[in-house]
C-alpha atoms as a PDB file:
ATOM      1  CA  UNK A   1      -8.509   4.059 -57.915  1.00  0.00           C
ATOM      2  CA  UNK A   2      -5.348   2.039 -57.418  1.00  0.00           C
ATOM      3  CA  UNK A   3      -4.034  -0.093 -60.224  1.00  0.00           C
ATOM      4  CA  UNK A   4      -1.838  -3.136 -59.950  1.00  0.00           C
ATOM      5  CA  UNK A   5      -0.331  -5.620 -62.388  1.00  0.00           C
ATOM      6  CA  UNK A   6      -2.356  -8.735 -62.915  1.00  0.00           C
ATOM      7  CA  UNK A   7      -1.056 -12.170 -63.828  1.00  0.00           C
ATOM      8  CA  UNK A   8      -3.439 -14.642 -65.385  1.00  0.00           C
ATOM      9  CA  UNK A   9      -2.277 -18.156 -66.119  1.00  0.00           C
ATOM     10  CA  UNK A  10      -3.821 -19.460 -69.321  1.00  0.00           C
ATOM     11  CA  UNK A  11      -3.607 -22.585 -71.369  1.00  0.00           C
ATOM     12  CA  UNK A  12      -3.460 -22.263 -75.151  1.00  0.00           C
ATOM     13  CA  UNK A  13      -7.150 -23.211 -75.395  1.00  0.00           C
ATOM     14  CA  UNK A  14      -8.147 -20.581 -72.807  1.00  0.00           C
ATOM     15  CA  UNK A  15      -6.140 -17.933 -74.643  1.00  0.00           C
ATOM     16  CA  UNK A  16      -7.876 -18.800 -77.910  1.00  0.00           C
ATOM     17  CA  UNK A  17     -11.267 -18.677 -76.155  1.00  0.00           C
ATOM     18  CA  UNK A  18     -10.451 -15.221 -74.784  1.00  0.00           C
ATOM     19  CA  UNK A  19      -9.457 -13.994 -78.253  1.00  0.00           C
ATOM     20  CA  UNK A  20     -12.736 -15.221 -79.742  1.00  0.00           C
ATOM     21  CA  UNK A  21     -14.842 -13.796 -76.924  1.00  0.00           C
ATOM     22  CA  UNK A  22     -13.075 -10.426 -77.069  1.00  0.00           C
ATOM     23  CA  UNK A  23     -13.547 -10.260 -80.852  1.00  0.00           C
ATOM     24  CA  UNK A  24     -17.237 -11.100 -80.441  1.00  0.00           C
ATOM     25  CA  UNK A  25     -17.741  -8.009 -78.254  1.00  0.00           C
ATOM     26  CA  UNK A  26     -15.344  -5.810 -80.214  1.00  0.00           C
ATOM     27  CA  UNK A  27     -12.906  -5.579 -77.309  1.00  0.00           C
ATOM     28  CA  UNK A  28      -9.265  -6.347 -76.770  1.00  0.00           C
ATOM     29  CA  UNK A  29      -8.316  -9.214 -74.477  1.00  0.00           C
ATOM     30  CA  UNK A  30      -7.071  -6.704 -71.878  1.00  0.00           C
ATOM     31  CA  UNK A  31     -10.323  -4.722 -71.868  1.00  0.00           C
ATOM     32  CA  UNK A  32     -12.346  -7.939 -71.640  1.00  0.00           C
ATOM     33  CA  UNK A  33     -10.277  -9.058 -68.650  1.00  0.00           C
ATOM     34  CA  UNK A  34     -10.671  -5.627 -67.018  1.00  0.00           C
ATOM     35  CA  UNK A  35     -14.439  -5.934 -67.413  1.00  0.00           C
ATOM     36  CA  UNK A  36     -14.492  -9.412 -65.874  1.00  0.00           C
ATOM     37  CA  UNK A  37     -12.225  -8.521 -62.970  1.00  0.00           C
ATOM     38  CA  UNK A  38     -14.326  -5.450 -62.159  1.00  0.00           C
ATOM     39  CA  UNK A  39     -17.625  -7.320 -62.468  1.00  0.00           C
ATOM     40  CA  UNK A  40     -19.664  -8.455 -59.510  1.00  0.00           C
ATOM     41  CA  UNK A  41     -18.089 -11.321 -57.529  1.00  0.00           C
ATOM     42  CA  UNK A  42     -21.242 -13.419 -57.974  1.00  0.00           C
ATOM     43  CA  UNK A  43     -21.121 -12.982 -61.745  1.00  0.00           C
ATOM     44  CA  UNK A  44     -20.323 -16.208 -63.600  1.00  0.00           C
ATOM     45  CA  UNK A  45     -18.020 -14.175 -65.867  1.00  0.00           C
ATOM     46  CA  UNK A  46     -15.820 -12.978 -63.020  1.00  0.00           C
ATOM     47  CA  UNK A  47     -12.408 -14.457 -62.391  1.00  0.00           C
ATOM     48  CA  UNK A  48     -11.755 -16.206 -59.111  1.00  0.00           C
ATOM     49  CA  UNK A  49      -9.023 -14.690 -56.976  1.00  0.00           C
ATOM     50  CA  UNK A  50      -6.188 -16.859 -55.711  1.00  0.00           C
ATOM     51  CA  UNK A  51      -4.865 -15.784 -52.333  1.00  0.00           C
ATOM     52  CA  UNK A  52      -1.171 -14.950 -52.072  1.00  0.00           C
ATOM     53  CA  UNK A  53       0.531 -17.521 -49.850  1.00  0.00           C
ATOM     54  CA  UNK A  54       3.625 -15.389 -49.256  1.00  0.00           C
ATOM     55  CA  UNK A  55       1.768 -12.793 -47.178  1.00  0.00           C
ATOM     56  CA  UNK A  56      -1.332 -14.864 -46.293  1.00  0.00           C
ATOM     57  CA  UNK A  57      -3.497 -12.493 -48.362  1.00  0.00           C
ATOM     58  CA  UNK A  58      -2.783  -9.528 -46.100  1.00  0.00           C
ATOM     59  CA  UNK A  59      -0.665  -7.658 -48.627  1.00  0.00           C
ATOM     60  CA  UNK A  60       2.030  -7.014 -46.039  1.00  0.00           C
ATOM     61  CA  UNK A  61       4.902  -9.025 -44.654  1.00  0.00           C
ATOM     62  CA  UNK A  62       5.441  -8.639 -40.898  1.00  0.00           C
ATOM     63  CA  UNK A  63       2.740  -5.899 -40.940  1.00  0.00           C
ATOM     64  CA  UNK A  64       5.360  -3.493 -42.236  1.00  0.00           C
ATOM     65  CA  UNK A  65       6.627  -4.307 -45.718  1.00  0.00           C
ATOM     66  CA  UNK A  66       4.499  -4.522 -48.834  1.00  0.00           C
ATOM     67  CA  UNK A  67       4.504  -8.024 -50.304  1.00  0.00           C
ATOM     68  CA  UNK A  68       6.519  -8.089 -53.513  1.00  0.00           C
ATOM     69  CA  UNK A  69       4.759 -11.163 -54.942  1.00  0.00           C
ATOM     70  CA  UNK A  70       1.220  -9.735 -54.960  1.00  0.00           C
ATOM     71  CA  UNK A  71       2.283  -6.061 -54.724  1.00  0.00           C
ATOM     72  CA  UNK A  72       0.253  -5.493 -51.585  1.00  0.00           C
ATOM     73  CA  UNK A  73      -3.173  -6.517 -52.868  1.00  0.00           C
ATOM     74  CA  UNK A  74      -3.336  -9.942 -51.223  1.00  0.00           C
ATOM     75  CA  UNK A  75      -4.061 -11.903 -54.390  1.00  0.00           C
ATOM     76  CA  UNK A  76      -1.278 -13.432 -56.422  1.00  0.00           C
ATOM     77  CA  UNK A  77      -3.277 -14.015 -59.623  1.00  0.00           C
ATOM     78  CA  UNK A  78      -6.714 -14.673 -61.011  1.00  0.00           C
ATOM     79  CA  UNK A  79      -8.070 -17.857 -62.553  1.00  0.00           C
ATOM     80  CA  UNK A  80     -10.701 -18.165 -65.251  1.00  0.00           C
END
């Protein structure tokens, strides 16, 4: 399984909510986010993916070079 860095933009309130929710389940924020990202797309707990505009969500620039903004996955970040 490939791994890639993930950027999530949070407000202070969202960060606090994630801390509380992670503590409720006995998880870290990172493990909670991993669970949500890997959950079913139709799940209400899943994050929504935001398409990378640099490469038009293809992951490649000019069908040759890997996009440096999204690191070749086609999504620039996730939103809660």
